[in-house]
PDB file of N, CA and C in Angstrom:
ATOM      1  N   MET A   1       1.003  -1.129  -0.090  1.00  0.00           N
ATOM      2  CA  MET A   1      -0.154  -0.017   0.219  1.00  0.00           C
ATOM      3  C   MET A   1       0.424   1.212  -0.124  1.00  0.00           C
ATOM      4  N   LEU A   2       0.621   2.176  -0.829  1.00  0.00           N
ATOM      5  CA  LEU A   2       1.295   3.424  -0.720  1.00  0.00           C
ATOM      6  C   LEU A   2       1.006   4.445   0.289  1.00  0.00           C
ATOM      7  N   SER A   3       2.067   4.458   1.069  1.00  0.00           N
ATOM      8  CA  SER A   3       2.210   5.461   2.295  1.00  0.00           C
ATOM      9  C   SER A   3       2.073   6.876   1.743  1.00  0.00           C
ATOM     10  N   GLU A   4       1.439   7.854   2.736  1.00  0.00           N
ATOM     11  CA  GLU A   4       1.001   9.120   2.640  1.00  0.00           C
ATOM     12  C   GLU A   4       2.620  10.127   2.352  1.00  0.00           C
ATOM     13  N   GLY A   5       3.314   9.234   3.018  1.00  0.00           N
ATOM     14  CA  GLY A   5       4.867  10.185   2.831  1.00  0.00           C
ATOM     15  C   GLY A   5       5.710   9.757   1.526  1.00  0.00           C
ATOM     16  N   ILE A   6       5.388   8.570   0.970  1.00  0.00           N
ATOM     17  CA  ILE A   6       5.619   8.225  -0.146  1.00  0.00           C
ATOM     18  C   ILE A   6       5.105   9.169  -1.540  1.00  0.00           C
ATOM     19  N   PHE A   7       3.711   9.365  -1.196  1.00  0.00           N
ATOM     20  CA  PHE A   7       2.881   9.796  -2.099  1.00  0.00           C
ATOM     21  C   PHE A   7       3.345  11.661  -2.152  1.00  0.00           C
ATOM     22  N   TYR A   8       3.706  12.019  -0.892  1.00  0.00           N
ATOM     23  CA  TYR A   8       3.536  13.446  -0.842  1.00  0.00           C
ATOM     24  C   TYR A   8       5.180  14.109  -1.251  1.00  0.00           C
ATOM     25  N   ASP A   9       6.119  12.759  -0.926  1.00  0.00           N
ATOM     26  CA  ASP A   9       7.409  12.740  -1.329  1.00  0.00           C
ATOM     27  C   ASP A   9       7.530  12.873  -3.047  1.00  0.00           C
ATOM     28  N   THR A  10       6.701  12.321  -3.607  1.00  0.00           N
ATOM     29  CA  THR A  10       6.533  11.999  -5.177  1.00  0.00           C
ATOM     30  C   THR A  10       6.083  13.335  -5.840  1.00  0.00           C
ATOM     31  N   LEU A  11       4.955  13.839  -4.861  1.00  0.00           N
ATOM     32  CA  LEU A  11       4.414  15.065  -5.475  1.00  0.00           C
ATOM     33  C   LEU A  11       5.300  16.086  -5.445  1.00  0.00           C
ATOM     34  N   ARG A  12       5.965  16.124  -4.506  1.00  0.00           N
ATOM     35  CA  ARG A  12       7.193  17.329  -4.121  1.00  0.00           C
ATOM     36  C   ARG A  12       8.011  17.051  -5.148  1.00  0.00           C
ATOM     37  N   GLN A  13       8.436  16.044  -5.601  1.00  0.00           N
ATOM     38  CA  GLN A  13       9.588  15.809  -6.765  1.00  0.00           C
ATOM     39  C   GLN A  13       8.807  16.253  -7.990  1.00  0.00           C
ATOM     40  N   ALA A  14       7.619  15.979  -8.319  1.00  0.00           N
ATOM     41  CA  ALA A  14       7.062  16.192  -9.521  1.00  0.00           C
ATOM     42  C   ALA A  14       6.905  17.880  -9.719  1.00  0.00           C
ATOM     43  N   LEU A  15       6.599  18.397  -8.890  1.00  0.00           N
ATOM     44  CA  LEU A  15       6.446  19.786  -8.601  1.00  0.00           C
ATOM     45  C   LEU A  15       7.779  20.649  -9.064  1.00  0.00           C
ATOM     46  N   TRP A  16       8.818  20.079  -7.920  1.00  0.00           N
ATOM     47  CA  TRP A  16       9.964  20.648  -8.116  1.00  0.00           C
ATOM     48  C   TRP A  16      10.553  20.828  -9.887  1.00  0.00           C
ATOM     49  N   THR A  17      10.357  19.248 -10.316  1.00  0.00           N
ATOM     50  CA  THR A  17      10.724  18.738 -11.519  1.00  0.00           C
ATOM     51  C   THR A  17      10.026  19.985 -12.471  1.00  0.00           C
ATOM     52  N   SER A  18       9.031  20.119 -12.567  1.00  0.00           N
ATOM     53  CA  SER A  18       7.929  20.849 -13.189  1.00  0.00           C
ATOM     54  C   SER A  18       8.804  22.385 -13.442  1.00  0.00           C
ATOM     55  N   VAL A  19       8.929  23.014 -12.013  1.00  0.00           N
ATOM     56  CA  VAL A  19       9.674  24.329 -11.975  1.00  0.00           C
ATOM     57  C   VAL A  19      10.733  24.283 -12.553  1.00  0.00           C
ATOM     58  N   ILE A  20      11.702  23.646 -12.634  1.00  0.00           N
ATOM     59  CA  ILE A  20      12.890  23.386 -12.927  1.00  0.00           C
ATOM     60  C   ILE A  20      12.890  23.322 -14.623  1.00  0.00           C
ATOM     61  N   MET A  21      12.012  22.696 -15.042  1.00  0.00           N
ATOM     62  CA  MET A  21      11.813  22.599 -16.467  1.00  0.00           C
ATOM     63  C   MET A  21      11.201  23.704 -17.079  1.00  0.00           C
ATOM     64  N   SER A  22      10.390  24.671 -16.502  1.00  0.00           N
ATOM     65  CA  SER A  22       9.891  25.417 -16.991  1.00  0.00           C
ATOM     66  C   SER A  22      10.369  26.884 -16.485  1.00  0.00           C
ATOM     67  N   THR A  23      11.358  27.006 -15.794  1.00  0.00           N
ATOM     68  CA  THR A  23      11.882  27.876 -15.535  1.00  0.00           C
ATOM     69  C   THR A  23      12.790  28.737 -16.719  1.00  0.00           C
ATOM     70  N   PRO A  24      13.411  28.261 -17.613  1.00  0.00           N
ATOM     71  CA  PRO A  24      13.931  29.027 -18.653  1.00  0.00           C
ATOM     72  C   PRO A  24      12.958  29.536 -19.432  1.00  0.00           C
ATOM     73  N   ILE A  25      11.742  28.948 -19.918  1.00  0.00           N
ATOM     74  CA  ILE A  25      10.882  29.737 -20.525  1.00  0.00           C
ATOM     75  C   ILE A  25      10.416  30.986 -19.869  1.00  0.00           C
ATOM     76  N   LEU A  26      10.117  30.879 -18.711  1.00  0.00           N
ATOM     77  CA  LEU A  26       9.438  31.760 -17.958  1.00  0.00           C
ATOM     78  C   LEU A  26      10.224  33.106 -17.773  1.00  0.00           C
ATOM     79  N   LEU A  27      11.628  32.448 -17.644  1.00  0.00           N
ATOM     80  CA  LEU A  27      12.355  33.906 -17.557  1.00  0.00           C
ATOM     81  C   LEU A  27      12.571  34.601 -18.704  1.00  0.00           C
ATOM     82  N   VAL A  28      12.835  33.930 -19.956  1.00  0.00           N
ATOM     83  CA  VAL A  28      12.498  34.785 -21.144  1.00  0.00           C
ATOM     84  C   VAL A  28      11.723  35.267 -21.515  1.00  0.00           C
ATOM     85  N   ALA A  29      10.396  34.763 -21.144  1.00  0.00           N
ATOM     86  CA  ALA A  29       9.001  35.637 -21.389  1.00  0.00           C
ATOM     87  C   ALA A  29       9.146  36.884 -20.694  1.00  0.00           C
ATOM     88  N   LEU A  30       9.640  36.769 -19.007  1.00  0.00           N
ATOM     89  CA  LEU A  30       9.789  37.940 -18.154  1.00  0.00           C
ATOM     90  C   LEU A  30      10.814  39.041 -18.772  1.00  0.00           C
ATOM     91  N   VAL A  31      11.630  38.649 -19.509  1.00  0.00           N
ATOM     92  CA  VAL A  31      12.636  39.302 -19.866  1.00  0.00           C
ATOM     93  C   VAL A  31      12.462  40.066 -21.199  1.00  0.00           C
ATOM     94  N   VAL A  32      11.632  39.356 -22.261  1.00  0.00           N
ATOM     95  CA  VAL A  32      11.357  39.930 -23.183  1.00  0.00           C
ATOM     96  C   VAL A  32      10.049  40.644 -23.001  1.00  0.00           C
ATOM     97  N   GLY A  33       9.083  40.643 -21.841  1.00  0.00           N
ATOM     98  CA  GLY A  33       8.095  41.266 -21.908  1.00  0.00           C
ATOM     99  C   GLY A  33       8.437  42.484 -21.310  1.00  0.00           C
ATOM    100  N   LEU A  34       9.642  42.524 -20.361  1.00  0.00           N
ATOM    101  CA  LEU A  34      10.000  44.066 -19.527  1.00  0.00           C
ATOM    102  C   LEU A  34      10.606  44.512 -20.577  1.00  0.00           C
ATOM    103  N   ALA A  35      11.470  43.663 -21.258  1.00  0.00           N
ATOM    104  CA  ALA A  35      11.994  44.829 -22.565  1.00  0.00           C
ATOM    105  C   ALA A  35      10.918  45.749 -23.603  1.00  0.00           C
ATOM    106  N   ILE A  36      10.126  44.407 -23.899  1.00  0.00           N
ATOM    107  CA  ILE A  36       8.912  45.382 -24.807  1.00  0.00           C
ATOM    108  C   ILE A  36       8.209  46.431 -24.248  1.00  0.00           C
ATOM    109  N   GLY A  37       7.864  46.291 -22.796  1.00  0.00           N
ATOM    110  CA  GLY A  37       7.070  47.380 -22.037  1.00  0.00           C
ATOM    111  C   GLY A  37       8.194  48.453 -21.882  1.00  0.00           C
ATOM    112  N   LEU A  38       9.256  48.174 -21.637  1.00  0.00           N
ATOM    113  CA  LEU A  38      10.299  49.566 -21.654  1.00  0.00           C
ATOM    114  C   LEU A  38      10.050  49.917 -22.986  1.00  0.00           C
ATOM    115  N   PHE A  39      10.402  49.530 -23.933  1.00  0.00           N
ATOM    116  CA  PHE A  39      10.254  50.205 -25.415  1.00  0.00           C
ATOM    117  C   PHE A  39       9.194  50.676 -25.559  1.00  0.00           C
ATOM    118  N   GLN A  40       7.759  50.261 -25.279  1.00  0.00           N
ATOM    119  CA  GLN A  40       6.415  50.920 -25.560  1.00  0.00           C
ATOM    120  C   GLN A  40       6.229  52.153 -24.536  1.00  0.00           C
ATOM    121  N   ALA A  41       7.099  52.127 -23.578  1.00  0.00           N
ATOM    122  CA  ALA A  41       6.896  53.445 -22.681  1.00  0.00           C
ATOM    123  C   ALA A  41       7.712  54.543 -22.925  1.00  0.00           C
ATOM    124  N   LEU A  42       8.883  53.920 -23.440  1.00  0.00           N
ATOM    125  CA  LEU A  42       9.785  55.088 -24.147  1.00  0.00           C
ATOM    126  C   LEU A  42       9.071  55.645 -25.337  1.00  0.00           C
ATOM    127  N   THR A  43       8.803  54.796 -26.399  1.00  0.00           N
ATOM    128  CA  THR A  43       8.288  55.638 -27.502  1.00  0.00           C
ATOM    129  C   THR A  43       6.729  55.842 -27.677  1.00  0.00           C
ATOM    130  N   SER A  44       6.243  55.385 -26.783  1.00  0.00           N
ATOM    131  CA  SER A  44       4.847  55.671 -26.689  1.00  0.00           C
ATOM    132  C   SER A  44       3.820  54.841 -27.550  1.00  0.00           C
ATOM    133  N   VAL A  45       4.573  53.678 -28.449  1.00  0.00           N
ATOM    134  CA  VAL A  45       3.882  52.905 -28.855  1.00  0.00           C
ATOM    135  C   VAL A  45       3.270  51.875 -28.612  1.00  0.00           C
ATOM    136  N   GLN A  46       1.766  51.881 -28.635  1.00  0.00           N
ATOM    137  CA  GLN A  46       1.048  50.873 -27.717  1.00  0.00           C
ATOM    138  C   GLN A  46       0.047  50.011 -28.661  1.00  0.00           C
ATOM    139  N   GLU A  47       1.014  49.032 -29.519  1.00  0.00           N
ATOM    140  CA  GLU A  47       0.690  47.875 -30.563  1.00  0.00           C
ATOM    141  C   GLU A  47       0.835  46.506 -29.936  1.00  0.00           C
ATOM    142  N   MET A  48      -0.611  45.845 -29.554  1.00  0.00           N
ATOM    143  CA  MET A  48      -0.638  44.761 -29.092  1.00  0.00           C
ATOM    144  C   MET A  48       0.221  43.622 -29.744  1.00  0.00           C
ATOM    145  N   THR A  49       0.086  43.551 -31.167  1.00  0.00           N
ATOM    146  CA  THR A  49       0.991  42.457 -31.742  1.00  0.00           C
ATOM    147  C   THR A  49       2.640  42.793 -31.339  1.00  0.00           C
ATOM    148  N   LEU A  50       2.963  43.988 -30.781  1.00  0.00           N
ATOM    149  CA  LEU A  50       4.518  44.166 -30.804  1.00  0.00           C
ATOM    150  C   LEU A  50       4.782  43.485 -29.208  1.00  0.00           C
ATOM    151  N   THR A  51       3.913  43.516 -28.402  1.00  0.00           N
ATOM    152  CA  THR A  51       4.152  42.530 -27.268  1.00  0.00           C
ATOM    153  C   THR A  51       3.920  41.011 -27.560  1.00  0.00           C
ATOM    154  N   PHE A  52       2.962  40.524 -28.300  1.00  0.00           N
ATOM    155  CA  PHE A  52       2.905  39.101 -28.491  1.00  0.00           C
ATOM    156  C   PHE A  52       3.768  38.499 -29.263  1.00  0.00           C
ATOM    157  N   VAL A  53       4.024  39.093 -30.598  1.00  0.00           N
ATOM    158  CA  VAL A  53       4.870  38.169 -31.678  1.00  0.00           C
ATOM    159  C   VAL A  53       6.085  37.828 -31.024  1.00  0.00           C
ATOM    160  N   PRO A  54       6.983  39.202 -30.547  1.00  0.00           N
ATOM    161  CA  PRO A  54       8.408  38.830 -29.981  1.00  0.00           C
ATOM    162  C   PRO A  54       8.610  37.839 -28.703  1.00  0.00           C
ATOM    163  N   LYS A  55       7.520  38.034 -27.773  1.00  0.00           N
ATOM    164  CA  LYS A  55       7.622  37.023 -26.662  1.00  0.00           C
ATOM    165  C   LYS A  55       7.135  35.439 -27.190  1.00  0.00           C
ATOM    166  N   VAL A  56       6.305  35.415 -27.939  1.00  0.00           N
ATOM    167  CA  VAL A  56       5.959  33.941 -28.654  1.00  0.00           C
ATOM    168  C   VAL A  56       7.147  33.623 -29.252  1.00  0.00           C
ATOM    169  N   THR A  57       7.777  34.418 -29.980  1.00  0.00           N
ATOM    170  CA  THR A  57       9.152  34.013 -30.965  1.00  0.00           C
ATOM    171  C   THR A  57      10.231  33.377 -29.639  1.00  0.00           C
ATOM    172  N   ALA A  58      10.290  34.142 -28.822  1.00  0.00           N
ATOM    173  CA  ALA A  58      11.667  33.855 -27.799  1.00  0.00           C
ATOM    174  C   ALA A  58      11.250  32.690 -27.365  1.00  0.00           C
ATOM    175  N   ILE A  59       9.971  32.712 -26.888  1.00  0.00           N
ATOM    176  CA  ILE A  59       9.440  31.442 -25.994  1.00  0.00           C
ATOM    177  C   ILE A  59       9.657  29.991 -26.738  1.00  0.00           C
ATOM    178  N   VAL A  60       9.092  30.067 -28.227  1.00  0.00           N
ATOM    179  CA  VAL A  60       9.293  29.071 -29.009  1.00  0.00           C
ATOM    180  C   VAL A  60      10.618  28.692 -29.141  1.00  0.00           C
ATOM    181  N   ILE A  61      11.795  29.606 -29.586  1.00  0.00           N
ATOM    182  CA  ILE A  61      13.134  29.448 -29.599  1.00  0.00           C
ATOM    183  C   ILE A  61      13.673  28.990 -28.402  1.00  0.00           C
ATOM    184  N   VAL A  62      13.313  29.458 -26.947  1.00  0.00           N
ATOM    185  CA  VAL A  62      14.163  28.973 -25.873  1.00  0.00           C
ATOM    186  C   VAL A  62      13.678  27.490 -25.731  1.00  0.00           C
ATOM    187  N   PHE A  63      11.988  27.143 -25.735  1.00  0.00           N
ATOM    188  CA  PHE A  63      11.558  25.818 -25.847  1.00  0.00           C
ATOM    189  C   PHE A  63      12.131  24.671 -26.528  1.00  0.00           C
ATOM    190  N   TRP A  64      12.691  25.123 -27.861  1.00  0.00           N
ATOM    191  CA  TRP A  64      13.415  24.627 -29.064  1.00  0.00           C
ATOM    192  C   TRP A  64      14.944  24.015 -28.644  1.00  0.00           C
ATOM    193  N   MET A  65      15.638  25.248 -27.598  1.00  0.00           N
ATOM    194  CA  MET A  65      16.858  24.815 -27.162  1.00  0.00           C
ATOM    195  C   MET A  65      16.900  24.170 -26.151  1.00  0.00           C
ATOM    196  N   THR A  66      16.132  24.039 -25.176  1.00  0.00           N
ATOM    197  CA  THR A  66      15.662  23.744 -24.175  1.00  0.00           C
ATOM    198  C   THR A  66      15.242  21.983 -24.342  1.00  0.00           C
ATOM    199  N   MET A  67      14.645  21.607 -25.240  1.00  0.00           N
ATOM    200  CA  MET A  67      13.925  20.307 -25.225  1.00  0.00           C
ATOM    201  C   MET A  67      15.013  19.195 -24.709  1.00  0.00           C
ATOM    202  N   GLY A  68      16.222  19.354 -25.111  1.00  0.00           N
ATOM    203  CA  GLY A  68      17.124  17.961 -24.537  1.00  0.00           C
ATOM    204  C   GLY A  68      17.347  17.986 -23.044  1.00  0.00           C
ATOM    205  N   PHE A  69      17.343  19.327 -22.646  1.00  0.00           N
ATOM    206  CA  PHE A  69      17.285  19.545 -21.033  1.00  0.00           C
ATOM    207  C   PHE A  69      15.788  18.904 -20.314  1.00  0.00           C
ATOM    208  N   MET A  70      14.722  19.600 -20.763  1.00  0.00           N
ATOM    209  CA  MET A  70      13.546  19.194 -20.228  1.00  0.00           C
ATOM    210  C   MET A  70      13.094  17.935 -20.510  1.00  0.00           C
ATOM    211  N   THR A  71      13.692  17.229 -21.492  1.00  0.00           N
ATOM    212  CA  THR A  71      13.493  15.314 -21.523  1.00  0.00           C
ATOM    213  C   THR A  71      14.351  14.792 -20.618  1.00  0.00           C
ATOM    214  N   GLN A  72      15.457  15.198 -20.498  1.00  0.00           N
ATOM    215  CA  GLN A  72      16.291  14.509 -19.564  1.00  0.00           C
ATOM    216  C   GLN A  72      16.030  14.546 -18.255  1.00  0.00           C
ATOM    217  N   SER A  73      15.411  15.882 -17.873  1.00  0.00           N
ATOM    218  CA  SER A  73      14.945  16.169 -16.460  1.00  0.00           C
ATOM    219  C   SER A  73      13.553  15.380 -16.077  1.00  0.00           C
ATOM    220  N   LEU A  74      12.513  15.208 -17.020  1.00  0.00           N
ATOM    221  CA  LEU A  74      11.548  14.183 -16.991  1.00  0.00           C
ATOM    222  C   LEU A  74      12.124  12.654 -17.015  1.00  0.00           C
ATOM    223  N   VAL A  75      12.974  12.390 -17.966  1.00  0.00           N
ATOM    224  CA  VAL A  75      13.279  10.841 -17.746  1.00  0.00           C
ATOM    225  C   VAL A  75      13.762  10.868 -16.566  1.00  0.00           C
ATOM    226  N   ALA A  76      14.637  11.447 -16.104  1.00  0.00           N
ATOM    227  CA  ALA A  76      15.481  11.392 -14.940  1.00  0.00           C
ATOM    228  C   ALA A  76      14.334  11.223 -13.551  1.00  0.00           C
ATOM    229  N   PHE A  77      13.014  11.804 -13.470  1.00  0.00           N
ATOM    230  CA  PHE A  77      12.392  11.765 -12.536  1.00  0.00           C
ATOM    231  C   PHE A  77      11.518  10.427 -12.803  1.00  0.00           C
ATOM    232  N   PHE A  78      11.042   9.893 -13.773  1.00  0.00           N
ATOM    233  CA  PHE A  78      10.355   8.886 -14.062  1.00  0.00           C
ATOM    234  C   PHE A  78      11.481   7.703 -13.552  1.00  0.00           C
ATOM    235  N   GLU A  79      12.781   7.728 -13.927  1.00  0.00           N
ATOM    236  CA  GLU A  79      13.476   6.664 -13.546  1.00  0.00           C
ATOM    237  C   GLU A  79      13.853   6.647 -12.070  1.00  0.00           C
ATOM    238  N   GLY A  80      14.114   8.013 -11.561  1.00  0.00           N
ATOM    239  CA  GLY A  80      14.287   8.037 -10.253  1.00  0.00           C
ATOM    240  C   GLY A  80      13.230   7.561  -9.221  1.00  0.00           C
ATOM    241  N   HIS A  81      12.033   8.003  -9.636  1.00  0.00           N
ATOM    242  CA  HIS A  81      11.200   8.021  -8.706  1.00  0.00           C
ATOM    243  C   HIS A  81      10.037   7.141  -8.922  1.00  0.00           C
ATOM    244  N   ILE A  82       9.152   7.150 -10.509  1.00  0.00           N
ATOM    245  CA  ILE A  82       8.075   6.401 -10.617  1.00  0.00           C
ATOM    246  C   ILE A  82       8.291   5.343 -10.761  1.00  0.00           C
ATOM    247  N   VAL A  83       9.340   4.771 -11.867  1.00  0.00           N
ATOM    248  CA  VAL A  83       9.693   3.728 -12.093  1.00  0.00           C
ATOM    249  C   VAL A  83      10.125   2.750 -10.926  1.00  0.00           C
ATOM    250  N   PRO A  84      10.734   2.990  -9.837  1.00  0.00           N
ATOM    251  CA  PRO A  84      11.259   2.364  -8.712  1.00  0.00           C
ATOM    252  C   PRO A  84       9.696   1.888  -7.978  1.00  0.00           C
ATOM    253  N   LEU A  85       9.030   3.286  -7.794  1.00  0.00           N
ATOM    254  CA  LEU A  85       7.540   2.776  -7.200  1.00  0.00           C
ATOM    255  C   LEU A  85       6.709   1.528  -7.865  1.00  0.00           C
ATOM    256  N   ILE A  86       6.648   1.658  -9.136  1.00  0.00           N
ATOM    257  CA  ILE A  86       5.868   0.848  -9.824  1.00  0.00           C
ATOM    258  C   ILE A  86       6.289  -0.597  -9.790  1.00  0.00           C
ATOM    259  N   ALA A  87       7.890  -0.651  -9.729  1.00  0.00           N
ATOM    260  CA  ALA A  87       8.698  -1.847  -9.803  1.00  0.00           C
ATOM    261  C   ALA A  87       8.695  -2.581  -8.389  1.00  0.00           C
ATOM    262  N   GLY A  88       8.634  -1.765  -7.335  1.00  0.00           N
ATOM    263  CA  GLY A  88       8.226  -2.280  -6.094  1.00  0.00           C
ATOM    264  C   GLY A  88       7.160  -2.460  -5.692  1.00  0.00           C
ATOM    265  N   GLY A  89       6.184  -2.500  -6.660  1.00  0.00           N
ATOM    266  CA  GLY A  89       4.737  -2.725  -6.222  1.00  0.00           C
ATOM    267  C   GLY A  89       4.094  -1.992  -5.320  1.00  0.00           C
ATOM    268  N   LEU A  90       4.354  -0.658  -5.433  1.00  0.00           N
ATOM    269  CA  LEU A  90       3.849   0.246  -4.607  1.00  0.00           C
ATOM    270  C   LEU A  90       3.878  -0.034  -3.236  1.00  0.00           C
TER     271      LEU A  90
END
């Protein structure tokens, strides 16, 4: 039977893994958003596509560049936590 401690430890590790995996994308979205906001404030250009297109482009580029890292993190989590729980019979 799965104890509460094992459940909460696995949940904690899953949440931490998701934070680690999403950090690069969130940081790039924050930096690009701040840069565009500063540019808009300085030039008084209030175009909605000016905020959306560069941010999405930067997010897609960073996602593409960090896919290997994200995959390794997810595989390490599954091999280190989920598979042993399944193999051990829970």
